[in-house]
Amino acid sequence: MGKTLMHSKNFREAERQSKQQQSHELESLHQQASKAFAEGRIGEYVEDIPGWPWFAAIFGELEMTAAYYPTDNDYVVMTVEQQTILRSSADAGLGPVMAFLQRLYVAQSASEQVEGV
């Protein structure tokens, strides 16, 4: 019984540390995005609910949030209308999320240039 309890405690601690690491990675994504995109496109990093960090991004008419969902261990990009436009396992890292944001940014920038002509 003692081994089972210890294993359970170790598992919970490892799970907590993993989720904390993913939160820190989202903060890293926020920093990368802030540097990569034009000024004013990326909002501040927020963790108003501990363990549930997010930040806003605005690319033209598209307003969205990028967040870490610890219950699913996923990074999620969602419109302000609460439509999920990307869900990526945190196990896959930040690459898929950053690549997605870059594609959206390029597409929106191209759209703005066409409208300006």
PDB file of N, CA and C in Angstrom:
ATOM      1  N   MET A   1       0.829  -1.192   0.000  1.00  0.00           N
ATOM      2  CA  MET A   1       0.000   0.000   0.000  1.00  0.00           C
ATOM      3  C   MET A   1       0.867   1.248   0.000  1.00  0.00           C
ATOM      4  N   GLY A   2       1.960   1.245   0.758  1.00  0.00           N
ATOM      5  CA  GLY A   2       2.840   2.397   0.834  1.00  0.00           C
ATOM      6  C   GLY A   2       3.450   2.738  -0.514  1.00  0.00           C
ATOM      7  N   LYS A   3       3.859   1.697  -1.275  1.00  0.00           N
ATOM      8  CA  LYS A   3       4.453   1.931  -2.597  1.00  0.00           C
ATOM      9  C   LYS A   3       3.434   2.546  -3.551  1.00  0.00           C
ATOM     10  N   THR A   4       2.210   2.075  -3.492  1.00  0.00           N
ATOM     11  CA  THR A   4       1.163   2.599  -4.369  1.00  0.00           C
ATOM     12  C   THR A   4       0.897   4.062  -4.066  1.00  0.00           C
ATOM     13  N   LEU A   5       0.819   4.404  -2.800  1.00  0.00           N
ATOM     14  CA  LEU A   5       0.588   5.792  -2.409  1.00  0.00           C
ATOM     15  C   LEU A   5       1.752   6.669  -2.858  1.00  0.00           C
ATOM     16  N   MET A   6       2.981   6.205  -2.666  1.00  0.00           N
ATOM     17  CA  MET A   6       4.157   6.969  -3.076  1.00  0.00           C
ATOM     18  C   MET A   6       4.176   7.135  -4.591  1.00  0.00           C
ATOM     19  N   HIS A   7       3.854   6.064  -5.319  1.00  0.00           N
ATOM     20  CA  HIS A   7       3.809   6.149  -6.778  1.00  0.00           C
ATOM     21  C   HIS A   7       2.771   7.178  -7.217  1.00  0.00           C
ATOM     22  N   SER A   8       1.620   7.159  -6.571  1.00  0.00           N
ATOM     23  CA  SER A   8       0.557   8.108  -6.898  1.00  0.00           C
ATOM     24  C   SER A   8       1.006   9.540  -6.631  1.00  0.00           C
ATOM     25  N   LYS A   9       1.667   9.771  -5.503  1.00  0.00           N
ATOM     26  CA  LYS A   9       2.160  11.116  -5.181  1.00  0.00           C
ATOM     27  C   LYS A   9       3.218  11.552  -6.196  1.00  0.00           C
ATOM     28  N   ASN A  10       4.123  10.641  -6.556  1.00  0.00           N
ATOM     29  CA  ASN A  10       5.161  10.963  -7.539  1.00  0.00           C
ATOM     30  C   ASN A  10       4.550  11.278  -8.898  1.00  0.00           C
ATOM     31  N   PHE A  11       3.540  10.518  -9.280  1.00  0.00           N
ATOM     32  CA  PHE A  11       2.870  10.750 -10.556  1.00  0.00           C
ATOM     33  C   PHE A  11       2.206  12.120 -10.574  1.00  0.00           C
ATOM     34  N   ARG A  12       1.488  12.455  -9.501  1.00  0.00           N
ATOM     35  CA  ARG A  12       0.817  13.763  -9.425  1.00  0.00           C
ATOM     36  C   ARG A  12       1.830  14.898  -9.473  1.00  0.00           C
ATOM     37  N   GLU A  13       2.953  14.737  -8.793  1.00  0.00           N
ATOM     38  CA  GLU A  13       3.988  15.772  -8.797  1.00  0.00           C
ATOM     39  C   GLU A  13       4.594  15.915 -10.197  1.00  0.00           C
ATOM     40  N   ALA A  14       4.856  14.799 -10.857  1.00  0.00           N
ATOM     41  CA  ALA A  14       5.400  14.852 -12.220  1.00  0.00           C
ATOM     42  C   ALA A  14       4.406  15.506 -13.170  1.00  0.00           C
ATOM     43  N   GLU A  15       3.140  15.193 -13.009  1.00  0.00           N
ATOM     44  CA  GLU A  15       2.099  15.795 -13.844  1.00  0.00           C
ATOM     45  C   GLU A  15       2.017  17.300 -13.597  1.00  0.00           C
ATOM     46  N   ARG A  16       2.096  17.718 -12.343  1.00  0.00           N
ATOM     47  CA  ARG A  16       2.059  19.142 -12.001  1.00  0.00           C
ATOM     48  C   ARG A  16       3.260  19.867 -12.610  1.00  0.00           C
ATOM     49  N   GLN A  17       4.431  19.264 -12.511  1.00  0.00           N
ATOM     50  CA  GLN A  17       5.628  19.887 -13.069  1.00  0.00           C
ATOM     51  C   GLN A  17       5.541  19.982 -14.586  1.00  0.00           C
ATOM     52  N   SER A  18       4.995  18.964 -15.224  1.00  0.00           N
ATOM     53  CA  SER A  18       4.835  18.983 -16.678  1.00  0.00           C
ATOM     54  C   SER A  18       3.915  20.118 -17.107  1.00  0.00           C
ATOM     55  N   LYS A  19       2.799  20.272 -16.412  1.00  0.00           N
ATOM     56  CA  LYS A  19       1.856  21.342 -16.748  1.00  0.00           C
ATOM     57  C   LYS A  19       2.474  22.707 -16.492  1.00  0.00           C
ATOM     58  N   GLN A  20       3.265  22.823 -15.438  1.00  0.00           N
ATOM     59  CA  GLN A  20       3.942  24.083 -15.153  1.00  0.00           C
ATOM     60  C   GLN A  20       4.945  24.388 -16.269  1.00  0.00           C
ATOM     61  N   GLN A  21       5.634  23.370 -16.759  1.00  0.00           N
ATOM     62  CA  GLN A  21       6.585  23.549 -17.861  1.00  0.00           C
ATOM     63  C   GLN A  21       5.864  24.033 -19.116  1.00  0.00           C
ATOM     64  N   GLN A  22       4.695  23.471 -19.410  1.00  0.00           N
ATOM     65  CA  GLN A  22       3.937  23.884 -20.592  1.00  0.00           C
ATOM     66  C   GLN A  22       3.487  25.335 -20.459  1.00  0.00           C
ATOM     67  N   SER A  23       3.138  25.757 -19.247  1.00  0.00           N
ATOM     68  CA  SER A  23       2.778  27.157 -19.014  1.00  0.00           C
ATOM     69  C   SER A  23       3.958  28.059 -19.328  1.00  0.00           C
ATOM     70  N   HIS A  24       5.144  27.656 -18.892  1.00  0.00           N
ATOM     71  CA  HIS A  24       6.346  28.446 -19.174  1.00  0.00           C
ATOM     72  C   HIS A  24       6.636  28.472 -20.670  1.00  0.00           C
ATOM     73  N   GLU A  25       6.352  27.377 -21.354  1.00  0.00           N
ATOM     74  CA  GLU A  25       6.572  27.344 -22.797  1.00  0.00           C
ATOM     75  C   GLU A  25       5.622  28.295 -23.512  1.00  0.00           C
ATOM     76  N   LEU A  26       4.386  28.411 -23.039  1.00  0.00           N
ATOM     77  CA  LEU A  26       3.472  29.374 -23.659  1.00  0.00           C
ATOM     78  C   LEU A  26       4.007  30.791 -23.467  1.00  0.00           C
ATOM     79  N   GLU A  27       4.608  31.059 -22.327  1.00  0.00           N
ATOM     80  CA  GLU A  27       5.213  32.374 -22.107  1.00  0.00           C
ATOM     81  C   GLU A  27       6.349  32.595 -23.102  1.00  0.00           C
ATOM     82  N   SER A  28       7.101  31.553 -23.390  1.00  0.00           N
ATOM     83  CA  SER A  28       8.160  31.636 -24.397  1.00  0.00           C
ATOM     84  C   SER A  28       7.567  31.909 -25.781  1.00  0.00           C
ATOM     85  N   LEU A  29       6.461  31.244 -26.098  1.00  0.00           N
ATOM     86  CA  LEU A  29       5.777  31.494 -27.371  1.00  0.00           C
ATOM     87  C   LEU A  29       5.328  32.952 -27.445  1.00  0.00           C
ATOM     88  N   HIS A  30       4.817  33.473 -26.355  1.00  0.00           N
ATOM     89  CA  HIS A  30       4.388  34.872 -26.306  1.00  0.00           C
ATOM     90  C   HIS A  30       5.562  35.792 -26.634  1.00  0.00           C
ATOM     91  N   GLN A  31       6.715  35.522 -26.050  1.00  0.00           N
ATOM     92  CA  GLN A  31       7.895  36.347 -26.311  1.00  0.00           C
ATOM     93  C   GLN A  31       8.319  36.246 -27.773  1.00  0.00           C
ATOM     94  N   GLN A  32       8.317  35.036 -28.324  1.00  0.00           N
ATOM     95  CA  GLN A  32       8.676  34.844 -29.736  1.00  0.00           C
ATOM     96  C   GLN A  32       7.711  35.586 -30.647  1.00  0.00           C
ATOM     97  N   ALA A  33       6.427  35.463 -30.376  1.00  0.00           N
ATOM     98  CA  ALA A  33       5.409  36.112 -31.205  1.00  0.00           C
ATOM     99  C   ALA A  33       5.520  37.629 -31.104  1.00  0.00           C
ATOM    100  N   SER A  34       5.795  38.137 -29.918  1.00  0.00           N
ATOM    101  CA  SER A  34       5.936  39.586 -29.738  1.00  0.00           C
ATOM    102  C   SER A  34       7.073  40.134 -30.586  1.00  0.00           C
ATOM    103  N   LYS A  35       8.134  39.353 -30.731  1.00  0.00           N
ATOM    104  CA  LYS A  35       9.281  39.774 -31.544  1.00  0.00           C
ATOM    105  C   LYS A  35       9.024  39.568 -33.034  1.00  0.00           C
ATOM    106  N   ALA A  36       8.281  38.533 -33.382  1.00  0.00           N
ATOM    107  CA  ALA A  36       8.109  38.151 -34.786  1.00  0.00           C
ATOM    108  C   ALA A  36       7.082  38.990 -35.533  1.00  0.00           C
ATOM    109  N   PHE A  37       6.075  39.470 -34.841  1.00  0.00           N
ATOM    110  CA  PHE A  37       4.979  40.164 -35.512  1.00  0.00           C
ATOM    111  C   PHE A  37       5.033  41.658 -35.227  1.00  0.00           C
ATOM    112  N   ALA A  38       4.385  42.428 -36.085  1.00  0.00           N
ATOM    113  CA  ALA A  38       4.396  43.886 -35.960  1.00  0.00           C
ATOM    114  C   ALA A  38       3.914  44.320 -34.580  1.00  0.00           C
ATOM    115  N   GLU A  39       4.440  45.435 -34.142  1.00  0.00           N
ATOM    116  CA  GLU A  39       4.080  45.971 -32.831  1.00  0.00           C
ATOM    117  C   GLU A  39       2.566  46.153 -32.714  1.00  0.00           C
ATOM    118  N   GLY A  40       2.050  45.832 -31.562  1.00  0.00           N
ATOM    119  CA  GLY A  40       0.624  45.988 -31.313  1.00  0.00           C
ATOM    120  C   GLY A  40      -0.214  44.791 -31.721  1.00  0.00           C
ATOM    121  N   ARG A  41       0.412  43.768 -32.315  1.00  0.00           N
ATOM    122  CA  ARG A  41      -0.344  42.578 -32.750  1.00  0.00           C
ATOM    123  C   ARG A  41      -0.518  41.552 -31.637  1.00  0.00           C
ATOM    124  N   ILE A  42       0.384  41.564 -30.663  1.00  0.00           N
ATOM    125  CA  ILE A  42       0.363  40.571 -29.591  1.00  0.00           C
ATOM    126  C   ILE A  42       0.124  41.279 -28.265  1.00  0.00           C
ATOM    127  N   GLY A  43      -0.895  40.832 -27.543  1.00  0.00           N
ATOM    128  CA  GLY A  43      -1.210  41.419 -26.239  1.00  0.00           C
ATOM    129  C   GLY A  43      -0.303  40.870 -25.156  1.00  0.00           C
ATOM    130  N   GLU A  44      -0.529  41.313 -23.938  1.00  0.00           N
ATOM    131  CA  GLU A  44       0.313  40.876 -22.832  1.00  0.00           C
ATOM    132  C   GLU A  44      -0.006  39.440 -22.422  1.00  0.00           C
ATOM    133  N   TYR A  45       0.973  38.806 -21.808  1.00  0.00           N
ATOM    134  CA  TYR A  45       0.838  37.456 -21.281  1.00  0.00           C
ATOM    135  C   TYR A  45       0.025  37.528 -19.995  1.00  0.00           C
ATOM    136  N   VAL A  46      -0.997  36.700 -19.888  1.00  0.00           N
ATOM    137  CA  VAL A  46      -1.914  36.766 -18.748  1.00  0.00           C
ATOM    138  C   VAL A  46      -2.056  35.376 -18.130  1.00  0.00           C
ATOM    139  N   GLU A  47      -2.070  35.345 -16.818  1.00  0.00           N
ATOM    140  CA  GLU A  47      -2.387  34.098 -16.115  1.00  0.00           C
ATOM    141  C   GLU A  47      -3.313  34.463 -14.961  1.00  0.00           C
ATOM    142  N   ASP A  48      -4.523  34.914 -15.326  1.00  0.00           N
ATOM    143  CA  ASP A  48      -5.486  35.319 -14.308  1.00  0.00           C
ATOM    144  C   ASP A  48      -6.032  34.130 -13.526  1.00  0.00           C
ATOM    145  N   ILE A  49      -5.999  32.958 -14.122  1.00  0.00           N
ATOM    146  CA  ILE A  49      -6.322  31.718 -13.419  1.00  0.00           C
ATOM    147  C   ILE A  49      -5.021  30.920 -13.376  1.00  0.00           C
ATOM    148  N   PRO A  50      -4.453  30.676 -12.197  1.00  0.00           N
ATOM    149  CA  PRO A  50      -3.167  29.980 -12.120  1.00  0.00           C
ATOM    150  C   PRO A  50      -3.161  28.678 -12.920  1.00  0.00           C
ATOM    151  N   GLY A  51      -2.142  28.528 -13.750  1.00  0.00           N
ATOM    152  CA  GLY A  51      -2.003  27.328 -14.565  1.00  0.00           C
ATOM    153  C   GLY A  51      -2.719  27.382 -15.897  1.00  0.00           C
ATOM    154  N   TRP A  52      -3.461  28.471 -16.173  1.00  0.00           N
ATOM    155  CA  TRP A  52      -4.209  28.607 -17.420  1.00  0.00           C
ATOM    156  C   TRP A  52      -3.763  29.882 -18.148  1.00  0.00           C
ATOM    157  N   PRO A  53      -2.525  29.944 -18.623  1.00  0.00           N
ATOM    158  CA  PRO A  53      -2.035  31.170 -19.249  1.00  0.00           C
ATOM    159  C   PRO A  53      -2.584  31.365 -20.657  1.00  0.00           C
ATOM    160  N   TRP A  54      -2.611  32.634 -21.088  1.00  0.00           N
ATOM    161  CA  TRP A  54      -3.068  32.956 -22.435  1.00  0.00           C
ATOM    162  C   TRP A  54      -2.545  34.331 -22.824  1.00  0.00           C
ATOM    163  N   PHE A  55      -2.617  34.615 -24.114  1.00  0.00           N
ATOM    164  CA  PHE A  55      -2.357  35.959 -24.608  1.00  0.00           C
ATOM    165  C   PHE A  55      -3.210  36.184 -25.846  1.00  0.00           C
ATOM    166  N   ALA A  56      -3.487  37.437 -26.117  1.00  0.00           N
ATOM    167  CA  ALA A  56      -4.308  37.799 -27.275  1.00  0.00           C
ATOM    168  C   ALA A  56      -3.409  38.140 -28.455  1.00  0.00           C
ATOM    169  N   ALA A  57      -3.948  37.946 -29.644  1.00  0.00           N
ATOM    170  CA  ALA A  57      -3.268  38.342 -30.879  1.00  0.00           C
ATOM    171  C   ALA A  57      -4.323  38.934 -31.806  1.00  0.00           C
ATOM    172  N   ILE A  58      -3.939  39.978 -32.508  1.00  0.00           N
ATOM    173  CA  ILE A  58      -4.844  40.611 -33.467  1.00  0.00           C
ATOM    174  C   ILE A  58      -4.109  40.728 -34.791  1.00  0.00           C
ATOM    175  N   PHE A  59      -4.624  40.051 -35.791  1.00  0.00           N
ATOM    176  CA  PHE A  59      -4.078  40.119 -37.145  1.00  0.00           C
ATOM    177  C   PHE A  59      -5.185  40.656 -38.033  1.00  0.00           C
ATOM    178  N   GLY A  60      -5.168  41.959 -38.282  1.00  0.00           N
ATOM    179  CA  GLY A  60      -6.219  42.588 -39.076  1.00  0.00           C
ATOM    180  C   GLY A  60      -7.552  42.476 -38.369  1.00  0.00           C
ATOM    181  N   GLU A  61      -8.521  41.876 -39.058  1.00  0.00           N
ATOM    182  CA  GLU A  61      -9.864  41.699 -38.487  1.00  0.00           C
ATOM    183  C   GLU A  61      -9.955  40.489 -37.560  1.00  0.00           C
ATOM    184  N   LEU A  62      -8.941  39.643 -37.579  1.00  0.00           N
ATOM    185  CA  LEU A  62      -8.974  38.407 -36.795  1.00  0.00           C
ATOM    186  C   LEU A  62      -8.414  38.641 -35.395  1.00  0.00           C
ATOM    187  N   GLU A  63      -9.288  38.515 -34.402  1.00  0.00           N
ATOM    188  CA  GLU A  63      -8.889  38.624 -32.997  1.00  0.00           C
ATOM    189  C   GLU A  63      -8.965  37.235 -32.388  1.00  0.00           C
ATOM    190  N   MET A  64      -7.897  36.854 -31.676  1.00  0.00           N
ATOM    191  CA  MET A  64      -7.841  35.495 -31.146  1.00  0.00           C
ATOM    192  C   MET A  64      -7.047  35.459 -29.855  1.00  0.00           C
ATOM    193  N   THR A  65      -7.108  34.326 -29.199  1.00  0.00           N
ATOM    194  CA  THR A  65      -6.272  34.071 -28.035  1.00  0.00           C
ATOM    195  C   THR A  65      -5.502  32.782 -28.272  1.00  0.00           C
ATOM    196  N   ALA A  66      -4.297  32.742 -27.726  1.00  0.00           N
ATOM    197  CA  ALA A  66      -3.502  31.516 -27.686  1.00  0.00           C
ATOM    198  C   ALA A  66      -3.395  31.156 -26.212  1.00  0.00           C
ATOM    199  N   ALA A  67      -3.711  29.921 -25.880  1.00  0.00           N
ATOM    200  CA  ALA A  67      -3.768  29.528 -24.474  1.00  0.00           C
ATOM    201  C   ALA A  67      -3.236  28.119 -24.287  1.00  0.00           C
ATOM    202  N   TYR A  68      -2.891  27.821 -23.040  1.00  0.00           N
ATOM    203  CA  TYR A  68      -2.543  26.460 -22.652  1.00  0.00           C
ATOM    204  C   TYR A  68      -3.680  25.925 -21.796  1.00  0.00           C
ATOM    205  N   TYR A  69      -4.216  24.758 -22.186  1.00  0.00           N
ATOM    206  CA  TYR A  69      -5.293  24.105 -21.437  1.00  0.00           C
ATOM    207  C   TYR A  69      -4.693  22.918 -20.681  1.00  0.00           C
ATOM    208  N   PRO A  70      -4.405  23.079 -19.392  1.00  0.00           N
ATOM    209  CA  PRO A  70      -3.734  22.003 -18.659  1.00  0.00           C
ATOM    210  C   PRO A  70      -4.563  20.729 -18.525  1.00  0.00           C
ATOM    211  N   THR A  71      -5.876  20.829 -18.523  1.00  0.00           N
ATOM    212  CA  THR A  71      -6.691  19.617 -18.382  1.00  0.00           C
ATOM    213  C   THR A  71      -6.558  18.713 -19.596  1.00  0.00           C
ATOM    214  N   ASP A  72      -6.285  19.300 -20.767  1.00  0.00           N
ATOM    215  CA  ASP A  72      -6.112  18.526 -21.995  1.00  0.00           C
ATOM    216  C   ASP A  72      -4.651  18.421 -22.416  1.00  0.00           C
ATOM    217  N   ASN A  73      -3.774  19.188 -21.750  1.00  0.00           N
ATOM    218  CA  ASN A  73      -2.367  19.296 -22.129  1.00  0.00           C
ATOM    219  C   ASN A  73      -2.244  19.730 -23.590  1.00  0.00           C
ATOM    220  N   ASP A  74      -3.043  20.726 -23.969  1.00  0.00           N
ATOM    221  CA  ASP A  74      -3.072  21.249 -25.336  1.00  0.00           C
ATOM    222  C   ASP A  74      -2.820  22.749 -25.350  1.00  0.00           C
ATOM    223  N   TYR A  75      -2.241  23.200 -26.462  1.00  0.00           N
ATOM    224  CA  TYR A  75      -2.218  24.622 -26.780  1.00  0.00           C
ATOM    225  C   TYR A  75      -3.406  24.851 -27.706  1.00  0.00           C
ATOM    226  N   VAL A  76      -4.148  25.926 -27.463  1.00  0.00           N
ATOM    227  CA  VAL A  76      -5.367  26.188 -28.222  1.00  0.00           C
ATOM    228  C   VAL A  76      -5.356  27.630 -28.706  1.00  0.00           C
ATOM    229  N   VAL A  77      -5.651  27.805 -29.998  1.00  0.00           N
ATOM    230  CA  VAL A  77      -5.844  29.139 -30.559  1.00  0.00           C
ATOM    231  C   VAL A  77      -7.331  29.238 -30.876  1.00  0.00           C
ATOM    232  N   MET A  78      -7.952  30.291 -30.335  1.00  0.00           N
ATOM    233  CA  MET A  78      -9.398  30.428 -30.430  1.00  0.00           C
ATOM    234  C   MET A  78      -9.762  31.864 -30.795  1.00  0.00           C
ATOM    235  N   THR A  79     -10.799  32.010 -31.616  1.00  0.00           N
ATOM    236  CA  THR A  79     -11.282  33.347 -31.957  1.00  0.00           C
ATOM    237  C   THR A  79     -12.018  33.940 -30.765  1.00  0.00           C
ATOM    238  N   VAL A  80     -12.259  35.250 -30.818  1.00  0.00           N
ATOM    239  CA  VAL A  80     -13.007  35.879 -29.723  1.00  0.00           C
ATOM    240  C   VAL A  80     -14.440  35.366 -29.676  1.00  0.00           C
ATOM    241  N   GLU A  81     -14.902  34.758 -30.765  1.00  0.00           N
ATOM    242  CA  GLU A  81     -16.241  34.146 -30.794  1.00  0.00           C
ATOM    243  C   GLU A  81     -16.216  32.730 -30.221  1.00  0.00           C
ATOM    244  N   GLN A  82     -15.079  32.339 -29.619  1.00  0.00           N
ATOM    245  CA  GLN A  82     -14.905  31.027 -28.986  1.00  0.00           C
ATOM    246  C   GLN A  82     -14.867  29.871 -29.981  1.00  0.00           C
ATOM    247  N   GLN A  83     -14.447  30.136 -31.210  1.00  0.00           N
ATOM    248  CA  GLN A  83     -14.271  29.066 -32.191  1.00  0.00           C
ATOM    249  C   GLN A  83     -12.810  28.625 -32.166  1.00  0.00           C
ATOM    250  N   THR A  84     -12.595  27.353 -31.939  1.00  0.00           N
ATOM    251  CA  THR A  84     -11.235  26.824 -31.925  1.00  0.00           C
ATOM    252  C   THR A  84     -10.728  26.745 -33.353  1.00  0.00           C
ATOM    253  N   ILE A  85      -9.583  27.390 -33.611  1.00  0.00           N
ATOM    254  CA  ILE A  85      -9.005  27.338 -34.956  1.00  0.00           C
ATOM    255  C   ILE A  85      -7.718  26.522 -34.980  1.00  0.00           C
ATOM    256  N   LEU A  86      -7.179  26.197 -33.815  1.00  0.00           N
ATOM    257  CA  LEU A  86      -6.046  25.273 -33.715  1.00  0.00           C
ATOM    258  C   LEU A  86      -6.049  24.654 -32.329  1.00  0.00           C
ATOM    259  N   ARG A  87      -5.860  23.356 -32.295  1.00  0.00           N
ATOM    260  CA  ARG A  87      -5.648  22.632 -31.036  1.00  0.00           C
ATOM    261  C   ARG A  87      -4.460  21.722 -31.294  1.00  0.00           C
ATOM    262  N   SER A  88      -3.412  21.906 -30.505  1.00  0.00           N
ATOM    263  CA  SER A  88      -2.181  21.151 -30.704  1.00  0.00           C
ATOM    264  C   SER A  88      -1.708  20.590 -29.369  1.00  0.00           C
ATOM    265  N   SER A  89      -1.381  19.316 -29.349  1.00  0.00           N
ATOM    266  CA  SER A  89      -0.893  18.694 -28.124  1.00  0.00           C
ATOM    267  C   SER A  89       0.379  19.392 -27.662  1.00  0.00           C
ATOM    268  N   ALA A  90       0.455  19.680 -26.384  1.00  0.00           N
ATOM    269  CA  ALA A  90       1.659  20.303 -25.834  1.00  0.00           C
ATOM    270  C   ALA A  90       2.862  19.388 -25.999  1.00  0.00           C
ATOM    271  N   ASP A  91       2.610  18.086 -26.121  1.00  0.00           N
ATOM    272  CA  ASP A  91       3.702  17.138 -26.339  1.00  0.00           C
ATOM    273  C   ASP A  91       4.408  17.389 -27.666  1.00  0.00           C
ATOM    274  N   ALA A  92       3.712  18.016 -28.621  1.00  0.00           N
ATOM    275  CA  ALA A  92       4.307  18.327 -29.928  1.00  0.00           C
ATOM    276  C   ALA A  92       5.161  19.591 -29.871  1.00  0.00           C
ATOM    277  N   GLY A  93       5.130  20.290 -28.747  1.00  0.00           N
ATOM    278  CA  GLY A  93       5.922  21.508 -28.594  1.00  0.00           C
ATOM    279  C   GLY A  93       5.218  22.722 -29.176  1.00  0.00           C
ATOM    280  N   LEU A  94       5.960  23.810 -29.226  1.00  0.00           N
ATOM    281  CA  LEU A  94       5.401  25.084 -29.676  1.00  0.00           C
ATOM    282  C   LEU A  94       5.456  25.277 -31.185  1.00  0.00           C
ATOM    283  N   GLY A  95       6.247  24.482 -31.877  1.00  0.00           N
ATOM    284  CA  GLY A  95       6.430  24.651 -33.320  1.00  0.00           C
ATOM    285  C   GLY A  95       5.136  24.744 -34.107  1.00  0.00           C
ATOM    286  N   PRO A  96       4.205  23.815 -33.930  1.00  0.00           N
ATOM    287  CA  PRO A  96       2.956  23.885 -34.696  1.00  0.00           C
ATOM    288  C   PRO A  96       2.148  25.155 -34.421  1.00  0.00           C
ATOM    289  N   VAL A  97       2.173  25.638 -33.186  1.00  0.00           N
ATOM    290  CA  VAL A  97       1.409  26.840 -32.844  1.00  0.00           C
ATOM    291  C   VAL A  97       2.048  28.065 -33.485  1.00  0.00           C
ATOM    292  N   MET A  98       3.370  28.193 -33.372  1.00  0.00           N
ATOM    293  CA  MET A  98       4.053  29.345 -33.961  1.00  0.00           C
ATOM    294  C   MET A  98       3.910  29.328 -35.480  1.00  0.00           C
ATOM    295  N   ALA A  99       4.045  28.164 -36.099  1.00  0.00           N
ATOM    296  CA  ALA A  99       3.888  28.064 -37.555  1.00  0.00           C
ATOM    297  C   ALA A  99       2.480  28.487 -37.970  1.00  0.00           C
ATOM    298  N   PHE A 100       1.484  28.080 -37.210  1.00  0.00           N
ATOM    299  CA  PHE A 100       0.099  28.454 -37.501  1.00  0.00           C
ATOM    300  C   PHE A 100      -0.084  29.963 -37.398  1.00  0.00           C
ATOM    301  N   LEU A 101       0.427  30.564 -36.320  1.00  0.00           N
ATOM    302  CA  LEU A 101       0.318  32.017 -36.161  1.00  0.00           C
ATOM    303  C   LEU A 101       1.033  32.748 -37.293  1.00  0.00           C
ATOM    304  N   GLN A 102       2.181  32.239 -37.713  1.00  0.00           N
ATOM    305  CA  GLN A 102       2.910  32.869 -38.819  1.00  0.00           C
ATOM    306  C   GLN A 102       2.112  32.800 -40.114  1.00  0.00           C
ATOM    307  N   ARG A 103       1.488  31.661 -40.389  1.00  0.00           N
ATOM    308  CA  ARG A 103       0.667  31.541 -41.606  1.00  0.00           C
ATOM    309  C   ARG A 103      -0.512  32.507 -41.560  1.00  0.00           C
ATOM    310  N   LEU A 104      -1.168  32.607 -40.415  1.00  0.00           N
ATOM    311  CA  LEU A 104      -2.281  33.555 -40.278  1.00  0.00           C
ATOM    312  C   LEU A 104      -1.808  34.988 -40.488  1.00  0.00           C
ATOM    313  N   TYR A 105      -0.674  35.322 -39.917  1.00  0.00           N
ATOM    314  CA  TYR A 105      -0.134  36.674 -40.021  1.00  0.00           C
ATOM    315  C   TYR A 105       0.186  37.021 -41.474  1.00  0.00           C
ATOM    316  N   VAL A 106       0.846  36.109 -42.166  1.00  0.00           N
ATOM    317  CA  VAL A 106       1.195  36.330 -43.576  1.00  0.00           C
ATOM    318  C   VAL A 106      -0.071  36.463 -44.413  1.00  0.00           C
ATOM    319  N   ALA A 107      -1.041  35.590 -44.191  1.00  0.00           N
ATOM    320  CA  ALA A 107      -2.294  35.650 -44.955  1.00  0.00           C
ATOM    321  C   ALA A 107      -3.024  36.962 -44.694  1.00  0.00           C
ATOM    322  N   GLN A 108      -3.073  37.380 -43.450  1.00  0.00           N
ATOM    323  CA  GLN A 108      -3.764  38.627 -43.122  1.00  0.00           C
ATOM    324  C   GLN A 108      -3.020  39.830 -43.694  1.00  0.00           C
ATOM    325  N   SER A 109      -1.698  39.812 -43.641  1.00  0.00           N
ATOM    326  CA  SER A 109      -0.902  40.912 -44.204  1.00  0.00           C
ATOM    327  C   SER A 109      -1.118  41.015 -45.706  1.00  0.00           C
ATOM    328  N   ALA A 110      -1.155  39.863 -46.386  1.00  0.00           N
ATOM    329  CA  ALA A 110      -1.396  39.856 -47.830  1.00  0.00           C
ATOM    330  C   ALA A 110      -2.789  40.392 -48.135  1.00  0.00           C
ATOM    331  N   SER A 111      -3.766  40.016 -47.325  1.00  0.00           N
ATOM    332  CA  SER A 111      -5.135  40.488 -47.512  1.00  0.00           C
ATOM    333  C   SER A 111      -5.216  42.000 -47.336  1.00  0.00           C
ATOM    334  N   GLU A 112      -4.521  42.540 -46.339  1.00  0.00           N
ATOM    335  CA  GLU A 112      -4.520  43.986 -46.110  1.00  0.00           C
ATOM    336  C   GLU A 112      -3.870  44.728 -47.273  1.00  0.00           C
ATOM    337  N   GLN A 113      -2.824  44.135 -47.863  1.00  0.00           N
ATOM    338  CA  GLN A 113      -2.150  44.775 -48.993  1.00  0.00           C
ATOM    339  C   GLN A 113      -3.048  44.794 -50.216  1.00  0.00           C
ATOM    340  N   VAL A 114      -3.788  43.714 -50.447  1.00  0.00           N
ATOM    341  CA  VAL A 114      -4.705  43.647 -51.586  1.00  0.00           C
ATOM    342  C   VAL A 114      -5.823  44.665 -51.411  1.00  0.00           C
ATOM    343  N   GLU A 115      -6.343  44.783 -50.202  1.00  0.00           N
ATOM    344  CA  GLU A 115      -7.409  45.746 -49.940  1.00  0.00           C
ATOM    345  C   GLU A 115      -6.924  47.179 -50.119  1.00  0.00           C
ATOM    346  N   GLY A 116      -5.646  47.421 -49.854  1.00  0.00           N
ATOM    347  CA  GLY A 116      -5.092  48.764 -49.960  1.00  0.00           C
ATOM    348  C   GLY A 116      -4.803  49.194 -51.382  1.00  0.00           C
ATOM    349  N   VAL A 117      -4.848  48.268 -52.332  1.00  0.00           N
ATOM    350  CA  VAL A 117      -4.539  48.585 -53.738  1.00  0.00           C
ATOM    351  C   VAL A 117      -5.727  49.183 -54.425  1.00  0.00           C
TER     352      VAL A 117
END
